[in-house]
């Protein structure tokens, strides 16, 4: 059974000495040419037929396949980048919805006028019947939780934490947008991209922890702790009339938001690993070009 190496040796034996020299010269030039264009390929330069006058069809097909593989890798890279941005945006939207939720706490009262009161972080909501033109109409009333309310330190911590989380996620959006903008340049600065993705991953990790702590603290203090809100004097019900405290959707929604943030952090870490590999390859390419010149 013959091998490609055996065929080459047999071909060399059939050639005259001058032809052997030309054969070896062509093989050496082809190897040098392939090395040169492979270096250009690794340095993100475009390969076309005009740029390969010395290359035969078989070598060009090989290089063309390499370019196709690289384009697929770049497409995958952009998918990772925009997936991280999408996850960060989704986490920010969920955080804003969570902060504006009307049902951080839901209390039931022994009162004929107001039976249920739901508490957000900045307002309280309840339904009440009003006599409008001789007919009783039930309307939603909202009252701001301001300085007239006696708020405990735990409730104030919830307000501060959720505000910080929203600001941190806005910072993540800024860092991620800058990194994607830099990656679209012809000669992107990988170090700046790594810094932006690193900051985004760290901020997302901290914000997801803050979100989880916020919703967990609210749930534990509300259900298992004592009352952390003293109503204003003009509120229609009294704290002593509480019958039952109901669980709300805030806790599972907060867990979902924290999970979305962690997923975005994982995507940023994957992007950092990919950029580190590209940085190492680009650092090796100039040394290869210097060796070829020597």
C-alpha atoms as a PDB file:
ATOM      1  CA  UNK A   1       0.000   0.000   0.000  1.00  0.00           C
ATOM      2  CA  UNK A   2       1.579   3.270  -1.118  1.00  0.00           C
ATOM      3  CA  UNK A   3       1.684   6.447   0.930  1.00  0.00           C
ATOM      4  CA  UNK A   4       1.943  10.088  -0.145  1.00  0.00           C
ATOM      5  CA  UNK A   5       5.522  10.131   1.146  1.00  0.00           C
ATOM      6  CA  UNK A   6       6.373   7.033  -0.923  1.00  0.00           C
ATOM      7  CA  UNK A   7       4.924   8.594  -4.051  1.00  0.00           C
ATOM      8  CA  UNK A   8       6.983  11.737  -3.509  1.00  0.00           C
ATOM      9  CA  UNK A   9      10.194   9.726  -3.112  1.00  0.00           C
ATOM     10  CA  UNK A  10       9.393   7.708  -6.259  1.00  0.00           C
ATOM     11  CA  UNK A  11       8.773  10.914  -8.185  1.00  0.00           C
ATOM     12  CA  UNK A  12      12.097  12.355  -7.037  1.00  0.00           C
ATOM     13  CA  UNK A  13      13.940   9.226  -8.227  1.00  0.00           C
ATOM     14  CA  UNK A  14      12.478   9.601 -11.749  1.00  0.00           C
ATOM     15  CA  UNK A  15      13.601  13.241 -12.094  1.00  0.00           C
ATOM     16  CA  UNK A  16      16.956  14.501 -13.326  1.00  0.00           C
ATOM     17  CA  UNK A  17      19.179  16.398 -10.841  1.00  0.00           C
ATOM     18  CA  UNK A  18      18.153  19.860 -12.171  1.00  0.00           C
ATOM     19  CA  UNK A  19      14.484  18.847 -12.014  1.00  0.00           C
ATOM     20  CA  UNK A  20      14.997  17.544  -8.471  1.00  0.00           C
ATOM     21  CA  UNK A  21      16.381  20.932  -7.463  1.00  0.00           C
ATOM     22  CA  UNK A  22      13.436  22.732  -9.075  1.00  0.00           C
ATOM     23  CA  UNK A  23      10.995  20.324  -7.392  1.00  0.00           C
ATOM     24  CA  UNK A  24      12.525  20.938  -3.988  1.00  0.00           C
ATOM     25  CA  UNK A  25      12.592  24.695  -4.619  1.00  0.00           C
ATOM     26  CA  UNK A  26       8.888  24.702  -5.546  1.00  0.00           C
ATOM     27  CA  UNK A  27       8.027  22.671  -2.428  1.00  0.00           C
ATOM     28  CA  UNK A  28      10.034  25.009  -0.213  1.00  0.00           C
ATOM     29  CA  UNK A  29       8.463  28.113  -1.797  1.00  0.00           C
ATOM     30  CA  UNK A  30       4.998  26.633  -1.412  1.00  0.00           C
ATOM     31  CA  UNK A  31       5.657  25.929   2.281  1.00  0.00           C
ATOM     32  CA  UNK A  32       6.980  29.472   2.774  1.00  0.00           C
ATOM     33  CA  UNK A  33       4.016  30.905   0.898  1.00  0.00           C
ATOM     34  CA  UNK A  34       1.538  28.916   2.981  1.00  0.00           C
ATOM     35  CA  UNK A  35       3.283  30.042   6.164  1.00  0.00           C
ATOM     36  CA  UNK A  36       3.136  33.673   5.015  1.00  0.00           C
ATOM     37  CA  UNK A  37      -0.558  33.636   4.177  1.00  0.00           C
ATOM     38  CA  UNK A  38      -1.396  31.642   7.284  1.00  0.00           C
ATOM     39  CA  UNK A  39       0.286  34.438   9.266  1.00  0.00           C
ATOM     40  CA  UNK A  40      -1.839  36.991   7.384  1.00  0.00           C
ATOM     41  CA  UNK A  41      -4.865  34.869   8.134  1.00  0.00           C
ATOM     42  CA  UNK A  42      -4.100  34.875  11.873  1.00  0.00           C
ATOM     43  CA  UNK A  43      -3.531  38.637  11.738  1.00  0.00           C
ATOM     44  CA  UNK A  44      -7.128  39.176  10.507  1.00  0.00           C
ATOM     45  CA  UNK A  45      -6.126  40.127   6.950  1.00  0.00           C
ATOM     46  CA  UNK A  46      -8.505  39.397   4.090  1.00  0.00           C
ATOM     47  CA  UNK A  47      -7.483  36.659   1.651  1.00  0.00           C
ATOM     48  CA  UNK A  48      -8.568  36.935  -1.994  1.00  0.00           C
ATOM     49  CA  UNK A  49      -7.451  35.445  -5.278  1.00  0.00           C
ATOM     50  CA  UNK A  50      -5.671  38.695  -6.221  1.00  0.00           C
ATOM     51  CA  UNK A  51      -3.586  38.469  -3.070  1.00  0.00           C
ATOM     52  CA  UNK A  52      -2.561  34.897  -3.860  1.00  0.00           C
ATOM     53  CA  UNK A  53      -0.936  34.997  -7.342  1.00  0.00           C
ATOM     54  CA  UNK A  54       1.500  32.197  -6.460  1.00  0.00           C
ATOM     55  CA  UNK A  55      -1.068  29.896  -4.955  1.00  0.00           C
ATOM     56  CA  UNK A  56      -2.552  27.072  -6.972  1.00  0.00           C
ATOM     57  CA  UNK A  57      -6.235  26.068  -6.787  1.00  0.00           C
ATOM     58  CA  UNK A  58      -5.764  23.371  -4.181  1.00  0.00           C
ATOM     59  CA  UNK A  59      -3.874  25.656  -1.790  1.00  0.00           C
ATOM     60  CA  UNK A  60      -6.372  28.438  -2.342  1.00  0.00           C
ATOM     61  CA  UNK A  61      -9.261  26.103  -1.516  1.00  0.00           C
ATOM     62  CA  UNK A  62      -7.487  25.172   1.704  1.00  0.00           C
ATOM     63  CA  UNK A  63      -6.997  28.790   2.674  1.00  0.00           C
ATOM     64  CA  UNK A  64     -10.563  29.596   1.658  1.00  0.00           C
ATOM     65  CA  UNK A  65     -11.810  26.867   3.979  1.00  0.00           C
ATOM     66  CA  UNK A  66      -9.705  28.349   6.773  1.00  0.00           C
ATOM     67  CA  UNK A  67     -11.246  31.771   6.139  1.00  0.00           C
ATOM     68  CA  UNK A  68     -14.734  30.226   6.238  1.00  0.00           C
ATOM     69  CA  UNK A  69     -13.935  28.594   9.575  1.00  0.00           C
ATOM     70  CA  UNK A  70     -12.683  31.897  10.916  1.00  0.00           C
ATOM     71  CA  UNK A  71     -15.809  33.739   9.749  1.00  0.00           C
ATOM     72  CA  UNK A  72     -17.933  31.152  11.532  1.00  0.00           C
ATOM     73  CA  UNK A  73     -15.846  31.627  14.672  1.00  0.00           C
ATOM     74  CA  UNK A  74     -16.343  35.406  14.435  1.00  0.00           C
ATOM     75  CA  UNK A  75     -20.082  34.959  14.010  1.00  0.00           C
ATOM     76  CA  UNK A  76     -20.117  32.771  17.121  1.00  0.00           C
ATOM     77  CA  UNK A  77     -18.101  35.431  18.936  1.00  0.00           C
ATOM     78  CA  UNK A  78     -20.643  38.136  18.061  1.00  0.00           C
ATOM     79  CA  UNK A  79     -23.459  35.874  19.239  1.00  0.00           C
ATOM     80  CA  UNK A  80     -21.722  35.553  22.609  1.00  0.00           C
ATOM     81  CA  UNK A  81     -21.197  39.313  22.831  1.00  0.00           C
ATOM     82  CA  UNK A  82     -24.769  40.253  22.012  1.00  0.00           C
ATOM     83  CA  UNK A  83     -26.123  37.434  24.208  1.00  0.00           C
ATOM     84  CA  UNK A  84     -24.340  39.001  27.162  1.00  0.00           C
ATOM     85  CA  UNK A  85     -25.763  42.412  26.260  1.00  0.00           C
ATOM     86  CA  UNK A  86     -29.264  40.959  25.874  1.00  0.00           C
ATOM     87  CA  UNK A  87     -29.032  39.195  29.251  1.00  0.00           C
ATOM     88  CA  UNK A  88     -27.855  42.412  30.909  1.00  0.00           C
ATOM     89  CA  UNK A  89     -30.701  44.366  29.315  1.00  0.00           C
ATOM     90  CA  UNK A  90     -33.249  41.755  30.384  1.00  0.00           C
ATOM     91  CA  UNK A  91     -31.877  41.816  33.941  1.00  0.00           C
ATOM     92  CA  UNK A  92     -32.127  45.628  34.003  1.00  0.00           C
ATOM     93  CA  UNK A  93     -35.736  45.556  32.754  1.00  0.00           C
ATOM     94  CA  UNK A  94     -36.675  42.906  35.337  1.00  0.00           C
ATOM     95  CA  UNK A  95     -34.980  44.952  38.057  1.00  0.00           C
ATOM     96  CA  UNK A  96     -36.978  48.066  37.147  1.00  0.00           C
ATOM     97  CA  UNK A  97     -40.205  46.040  37.108  1.00  0.00           C
ATOM     98  CA  UNK A  98     -39.264  44.562  40.481  1.00  0.00           C
ATOM     99  CA  UNK A  99     -38.519  47.979  41.977  1.00  0.00           C
ATOM    100  CA  UNK A 100     -41.886  49.345  40.756  1.00  0.00           C
ATOM    101  CA  UNK A 101     -43.855  46.298  41.899  1.00  0.00           C
ATOM    102  CA  UNK A 102     -46.947  47.066  43.956  1.00  0.00           C
ATOM    103  CA  UNK A 103     -46.864  43.767  45.855  1.00  0.00           C
ATOM    104  CA  UNK A 104     -43.678  43.617  47.888  1.00  0.00           C
ATOM    105  CA  UNK A 105     -46.018  42.894  50.786  1.00  0.00           C
ATOM    106  CA  UNK A 106     -49.705  41.998  50.892  1.00  0.00           C
ATOM    107  CA  UNK A 107     -51.562  42.285  54.192  1.00  0.00           C
ATOM    108  CA  UNK A 108     -55.140  41.360  55.034  1.00  0.00           C
ATOM    109  CA  UNK A 109     -57.025  43.474  57.611  1.00  0.00           C
ATOM    110  CA  UNK A 110     -60.104  43.012  59.742  1.00  0.00           C
ATOM    111  CA  UNK A 111     -61.749  46.103  58.347  1.00  0.00           C
ATOM    112  CA  UNK A 112     -64.971  46.503  56.402  1.00  0.00           C
ATOM    113  CA  UNK A 113     -63.752  49.477  54.372  1.00  0.00           C
ATOM    114  CA  UNK A 114     -60.258  48.249  53.428  1.00  0.00           C
ATOM    115  CA  UNK A 115     -59.636  44.515  53.509  1.00  0.00           C
ATOM    116  CA  UNK A 116     -56.333  44.206  51.613  1.00  0.00           C
ATOM    117  CA  UNK A 117     -53.367  46.539  51.385  1.00  0.00           C
ATOM    118  CA  UNK A 118     -50.363  45.911  49.127  1.00  0.00           C
ATOM    119  CA  UNK A 119     -47.095  47.684  49.778  1.00  0.00           C
ATOM    120  CA  UNK A 120     -44.486  48.652  47.237  1.00  0.00           C
ATOM    121  CA  UNK A 121     -41.152  50.140  48.182  1.00  0.00           C
ATOM    122  CA  UNK A 122     -42.394  53.702  47.834  1.00  0.00           C
ATOM    123  CA  UNK A 123     -46.209  53.507  47.846  1.00  0.00           C
ATOM    124  CA  UNK A 124     -49.080  51.614  49.473  1.00  0.00           C
ATOM    125  CA  UNK A 125     -52.104  50.488  47.427  1.00  0.00           C
ATOM    126  CA  UNK A 126     -55.622  49.534  48.472  1.00  0.00           C
ATOM    127  CA  UNK A 127     -59.132  49.501  47.002  1.00  0.00           C
ATOM    128  CA  UNK A 128     -61.921  51.531  48.542  1.00  0.00           C
ATOM    129  CA  UNK A 129     -65.557  52.154  47.652  1.00  0.00           C
ATOM    130  CA  UNK A 130     -66.669  55.688  46.905  1.00  0.00           C
ATOM    131  CA  UNK A 131     -70.163  57.074  46.392  1.00  0.00           C
ATOM    132  CA  UNK A 132     -70.095  58.725  42.981  1.00  0.00           C
ATOM    133  CA  UNK A 133     -73.414  60.146  41.722  1.00  0.00           C
ATOM    134  CA  UNK A 134     -75.408  57.822  43.936  1.00  0.00           C
ATOM    135  CA  UNK A 135     -73.590  54.647  42.912  1.00  0.00           C
ATOM    136  CA  UNK A 136     -70.857  52.863  44.857  1.00  0.00           C
ATOM    137  CA  UNK A 137     -67.650  52.628  42.827  1.00  0.00           C
ATOM    138  CA  UNK A 138     -64.546  50.694  43.912  1.00  0.00           C
ATOM    139  CA  UNK A 139     -61.313  52.506  43.069  1.00  0.00           C
ATOM    140  CA  UNK A 140     -57.619  51.875  43.577  1.00  0.00           C
ATOM    141  CA  UNK A 141     -56.030  54.315  45.974  1.00  0.00           C
ATOM    142  CA  UNK A 142     -52.262  54.747  46.347  1.00  0.00           C
ATOM    143  CA  UNK A 143     -50.550  56.549  49.195  1.00  0.00           C
ATOM    144  CA  UNK A 144     -46.842  57.476  49.164  1.00  0.00           C
ATOM    145  CA  UNK A 145     -44.695  55.978  51.913  1.00  0.00           C
ATOM    146  CA  UNK A 146     -43.043  59.197  53.008  1.00  0.00           C
ATOM    147  CA  UNK A 147     -41.688  60.738  56.188  1.00  0.00           C
ATOM    148  CA  UNK A 148     -45.084  60.518  57.902  1.00  0.00           C
ATOM    149  CA  UNK A 149     -44.622  56.730  58.035  1.00  0.00           C
ATOM    150  CA  UNK A 150     -42.401  55.172  60.644  1.00  0.00           C
ATOM    151  CA  UNK A 151     -40.136  52.997  58.487  1.00  0.00           C
ATOM    152  CA  UNK A 152     -37.801  50.517  60.122  1.00  0.00           C
ATOM    153  CA  UNK A 153     -34.118  50.238  59.140  1.00  0.00           C
ATOM    154  CA  UNK A 154     -34.824  46.958  57.297  1.00  0.00           C
ATOM    155  CA  UNK A 155     -37.344  48.633  54.999  1.00  0.00           C
ATOM    156  CA  UNK A 156     -34.951  51.488  54.296  1.00  0.00           C
ATOM    157  CA  UNK A 157     -32.216  48.939  53.442  1.00  0.00           C
ATOM    158  CA  UNK A 158     -34.548  47.444  50.822  1.00  0.00           C
ATOM    159  CA  UNK A 159     -35.067  50.829  49.180  1.00  0.00           C
ATOM    160  CA  UNK A 160     -31.337  51.616  49.106  1.00  0.00           C
ATOM    161  CA  UNK A 161     -30.285  48.168  47.842  1.00  0.00           C
ATOM    162  CA  UNK A 162     -32.754  48.079  44.952  1.00  0.00           C
ATOM    163  CA  UNK A 163     -31.723  51.608  43.888  1.00  0.00           C
ATOM    164  CA  UNK A 164     -28.032  50.592  43.909  1.00  0.00           C
ATOM    165  CA  UNK A 165     -28.788  47.456  41.897  1.00  0.00           C
ATOM    166  CA  UNK A 166     -30.460  49.478  39.125  1.00  0.00           C
ATOM    167  CA  UNK A 167     -27.514  51.896  38.967  1.00  0.00           C
ATOM    168  CA  UNK A 168     -25.043  48.991  38.785  1.00  0.00           C
ATOM    169  CA  UNK A 169     -26.914  47.372  35.916  1.00  0.00           C
ATOM    170  CA  UNK A 170     -26.866  50.665  34.019  1.00  0.00           C
ATOM    171  CA  UNK A 171     -23.067  50.672  34.461  1.00  0.00           C
ATOM    172  CA  UNK A 172     -22.961  47.125  33.065  1.00  0.00           C
ATOM    173  CA  UNK A 173     -24.845  48.296  29.973  1.00  0.00           C
ATOM    174  CA  UNK A 174     -22.319  51.125  29.474  1.00  0.00           C
ATOM    175  CA  UNK A 175     -19.257  48.865  29.839  1.00  0.00           C
ATOM    176  CA  UNK A 176     -20.727  46.204  27.545  1.00  0.00           C
ATOM    177  CA  UNK A 177     -21.651  48.735  24.858  1.00  0.00           C
ATOM    178  CA  UNK A 178     -18.117  50.176  24.934  1.00  0.00           C
ATOM    179  CA  UNK A 179     -16.597  46.681  24.596  1.00  0.00           C
ATOM    180  CA  UNK A 180     -18.820  45.817  21.604  1.00  0.00           C
ATOM    181  CA  UNK A 181     -18.074  49.188  19.981  1.00  0.00           C
ATOM    182  CA  UNK A 182     -14.324  48.561  20.319  1.00  0.00           C
ATOM    183  CA  UNK A 183     -14.648  45.039  18.907  1.00  0.00           C
ATOM    184  CA  UNK A 184     -16.141  46.485  15.683  1.00  0.00           C
ATOM    185  CA  UNK A 185     -12.954  48.451  14.976  1.00  0.00           C
ATOM    186  CA  UNK A 186     -10.409  47.217  12.434  1.00  0.00           C
ATOM    187  CA  UNK A 187      -7.689  46.888  15.060  1.00  0.00           C
ATOM    188  CA  UNK A 188      -9.565  46.453  18.358  1.00  0.00           C
ATOM    189  CA  UNK A 189      -7.842  47.062  21.673  1.00  0.00           C
ATOM    190  CA  UNK A 190      -8.213  43.696  23.361  1.00  0.00           C
ATOM    191  CA  UNK A 191      -6.945  44.981  26.720  1.00  0.00           C
ATOM    192  CA  UNK A 192      -9.730  47.588  26.914  1.00  0.00           C
ATOM    193  CA  UNK A 193     -12.323  44.963  25.962  1.00  0.00           C
ATOM    194  CA  UNK A 194     -11.017  42.654  28.682  1.00  0.00           C
ATOM    195  CA  UNK A 195     -11.250  45.474  31.222  1.00  0.00           C
ATOM    196  CA  UNK A 196     -14.843  46.311  30.197  1.00  0.00           C
ATOM    197  CA  UNK A 197     -15.991  42.682  30.331  1.00  0.00           C
ATOM    198  CA  UNK A 198     -14.194  42.154  33.634  1.00  0.00           C
ATOM    199  CA  UNK A 199     -15.947  45.151  35.191  1.00  0.00           C
ATOM    200  CA  UNK A 200     -19.299  44.008  33.756  1.00  0.00           C
ATOM    201  CA  UNK A 201     -18.874  40.508  35.202  1.00  0.00           C
ATOM    202  CA  UNK A 202     -17.898  41.834  38.645  1.00  0.00           C
ATOM    203  CA  UNK A 203     -20.751  44.356  38.764  1.00  0.00           C
ATOM    204  CA  UNK A 204     -23.276  41.743  37.614  1.00  0.00           C
ATOM    205  CA  UNK A 205     -22.101  39.336  40.315  1.00  0.00           C
ATOM    206  CA  UNK A 206     -22.463  41.999  43.024  1.00  0.00           C
ATOM    207  CA  UNK A 207     -25.841  43.187  41.717  1.00  0.00           C
ATOM    208  CA  UNK A 208     -27.248  39.650  41.573  1.00  0.00           C
ATOM    209  CA  UNK A 209     -26.141  39.145  45.193  1.00  0.00           C
ATOM    210  CA  UNK A 210     -27.809  42.430  46.207  1.00  0.00           C
ATOM    211  CA  UNK A 211     -31.039  41.439  44.435  1.00  0.00           C
ATOM    212  CA  UNK A 212     -31.148  38.044  46.131  1.00  0.00           C
ATOM    213  CA  UNK A 213     -30.418  39.575  49.556  1.00  0.00           C
ATOM    214  CA  UNK A 214     -33.114  42.235  49.015  1.00  0.00           C
ATOM    215  CA  UNK A 215     -35.963  39.872  48.146  1.00  0.00           C
ATOM    216  CA  UNK A 216     -34.892  37.312  50.770  1.00  0.00           C
ATOM    217  CA  UNK A 217     -34.702  39.933  53.518  1.00  0.00           C
ATOM    218  CA  UNK A 218     -38.115  41.295  52.521  1.00  0.00           C
ATOM    219  CA  UNK A 219     -39.674  37.812  52.560  1.00  0.00           C
ATOM    220  CA  UNK A 220     -38.181  36.756  55.909  1.00  0.00           C
ATOM    221  CA  UNK A 221     -38.925  40.021  57.713  1.00  0.00           C
ATOM    222  CA  UNK A 222     -42.454  40.232  56.300  1.00  0.00           C
ATOM    223  CA  UNK A 223     -43.580  36.643  56.912  1.00  0.00           C
ATOM    224  CA  UNK A 224     -41.544  35.600  59.947  1.00  0.00           C
ATOM    225  CA  UNK A 225     -40.551  38.899  61.526  1.00  0.00           C
ATOM    226  CA  UNK A 226     -42.424  41.693  63.206  1.00  0.00           C
ATOM    227  CA  UNK A 227     -44.132  44.582  61.472  1.00  0.00           C
ATOM    228  CA  UNK A 228     -41.603  46.972  59.978  1.00  0.00           C
ATOM    229  CA  UNK A 229     -44.060  49.715  58.998  1.00  0.00           C
ATOM    230  CA  UNK A 230     -46.074  52.065  61.178  1.00  0.00           C
ATOM    231  CA  UNK A 231     -48.837  53.684  59.136  1.00  0.00           C
ATOM    232  CA  UNK A 232     -49.375  57.412  58.861  1.00  0.00           C
ATOM    233  CA  UNK A 233     -52.113  58.889  61.081  1.00  0.00           C
ATOM    234  CA  UNK A 234     -54.478  59.452  58.123  1.00  0.00           C
ATOM    235  CA  UNK A 235     -54.217  55.858  56.827  1.00  0.00           C
ATOM    236  CA  UNK A 236     -57.658  54.173  56.754  1.00  0.00           C
ATOM    237  CA  UNK A 237     -56.581  51.043  58.706  1.00  0.00           C
ATOM    238  CA  UNK A 238     -54.486  50.376  61.778  1.00  0.00           C
ATOM    239  CA  UNK A 239     -51.564  48.002  62.132  1.00  0.00           C
ATOM    240  CA  UNK A 240     -53.337  46.210  64.973  1.00  0.00           C
ATOM    241  CA  UNK A 241     -56.111  45.073  62.568  1.00  0.00           C
ATOM    242  CA  UNK A 242     -53.817  42.763  60.587  1.00  0.00           C
ATOM    243  CA  UNK A 243     -55.278  39.265  60.155  1.00  0.00           C
ATOM    244  CA  UNK A 244     -52.837  37.618  57.783  1.00  0.00           C
ATOM    245  CA  UNK A 245     -49.754  38.313  55.679  1.00  0.00           C
ATOM    246  CA  UNK A 246     -49.761  36.779  52.202  1.00  0.00           C
ATOM    247  CA  UNK A 247     -46.808  35.672  50.076  1.00  0.00           C
ATOM    248  CA  UNK A 248     -46.283  37.578  46.829  1.00  0.00           C
ATOM    249  CA  UNK A 249     -44.508  37.072  43.505  1.00  0.00           C
ATOM    250  CA  UNK A 250     -41.629  39.397  44.477  1.00  0.00           C
ATOM    251  CA  UNK A 251     -39.419  36.631  45.866  1.00  0.00           C
ATOM    252  CA  UNK A 252     -39.532  34.310  42.790  1.00  0.00           C
ATOM    253  CA  UNK A 253     -39.202  37.307  40.482  1.00  0.00           C
ATOM    254  CA  UNK A 254     -36.137  38.477  42.386  1.00  0.00           C
ATOM    255  CA  UNK A 255     -34.581  35.004  42.129  1.00  0.00           C
ATOM    256  CA  UNK A 256     -35.261  35.030  38.366  1.00  0.00           C
ATOM    257  CA  UNK A 257     -33.616  38.451  38.023  1.00  0.00           C
ATOM    258  CA  UNK A 258     -30.539  37.319  39.982  1.00  0.00           C
ATOM    259  CA  UNK A 259     -30.306  34.173  37.839  1.00  0.00           C
ATOM    260  CA  UNK A 260     -30.471  36.247  34.649  1.00  0.00           C
ATOM    261  CA  UNK A 261     -27.640  38.414  35.955  1.00  0.00           C
ATOM    262  CA  UNK A 262     -25.522  35.339  36.731  1.00  0.00           C
ATOM    263  CA  UNK A 263     -26.159  33.971  33.244  1.00  0.00           C
ATOM    264  CA  UNK A 264     -24.948  37.250  31.744  1.00  0.00           C
ATOM    265  CA  UNK A 265     -21.870  37.076  33.976  1.00  0.00           C
ATOM    266  CA  UNK A 266     -21.051  33.586  32.641  1.00  0.00           C
ATOM    267  CA  UNK A 267     -21.302  34.856  29.056  1.00  0.00           C
ATOM    268  CA  UNK A 268     -18.930  37.719  29.866  1.00  0.00           C
ATOM    269  CA  UNK A 269     -16.442  35.284  31.412  1.00  0.00           C
ATOM    270  CA  UNK A 270     -16.578  33.155  28.237  1.00  0.00           C
ATOM    271  CA  UNK A 271     -15.923  36.261  26.174  1.00  0.00           C
ATOM    272  CA  UNK A 272     -12.945  37.123  28.381  1.00  0.00           C
ATOM    273  CA  UNK A 273     -11.468  33.639  27.829  1.00  0.00           C
ATOM    274  CA  UNK A 274     -11.917  34.031  24.059  1.00  0.00           C
ATOM    275  CA  UNK A 275     -10.266  37.463  24.052  1.00  0.00           C
ATOM    276  CA  UNK A 276      -7.356  36.163  26.119  1.00  0.00           C
ATOM    277  CA  UNK A 277      -6.753  33.463  23.487  1.00  0.00           C
ATOM    278  CA  UNK A 278      -6.879  36.038  20.682  1.00  0.00           C
ATOM    279  CA  UNK A 279      -4.421  38.241  22.557  1.00  0.00           C
ATOM    280  CA  UNK A 280      -1.952  35.366  22.873  1.00  0.00           C
ATOM    281  CA  UNK A 281      -2.262  34.521  19.148  1.00  0.00           C
ATOM    282  CA  UNK A 282      -1.702  38.145  18.108  1.00  0.00           C
ATOM    283  CA  UNK A 283       1.309  38.346  20.390  1.00  0.00           C
ATOM    284  CA  UNK A 284       2.836  35.314  18.634  1.00  0.00           C
ATOM    285  CA  UNK A 285       2.171  36.547  15.070  1.00  0.00           C
ATOM    286  CA  UNK A 286       4.721  39.444  15.101  1.00  0.00           C
ATOM    287  CA  UNK A 287       7.402  37.046  16.366  1.00  0.00           C
ATOM    288  CA  UNK A 288       6.584  34.655  13.500  1.00  0.00           C
ATOM    289  CA  UNK A 289       6.858  37.498  10.974  1.00  0.00           C
ATOM    290  CA  UNK A 290      10.214  38.540  12.452  1.00  0.00           C
ATOM    291  CA  UNK A 291      11.512  34.977  12.143  1.00  0.00           C
ATOM    292  CA  UNK A 292      10.438  34.842   8.480  1.00  0.00           C
ATOM    293  CA  UNK A 293      12.284  38.098   7.725  1.00  0.00           C
ATOM    294  CA  UNK A 294      15.440  36.710   9.314  1.00  0.00           C
END
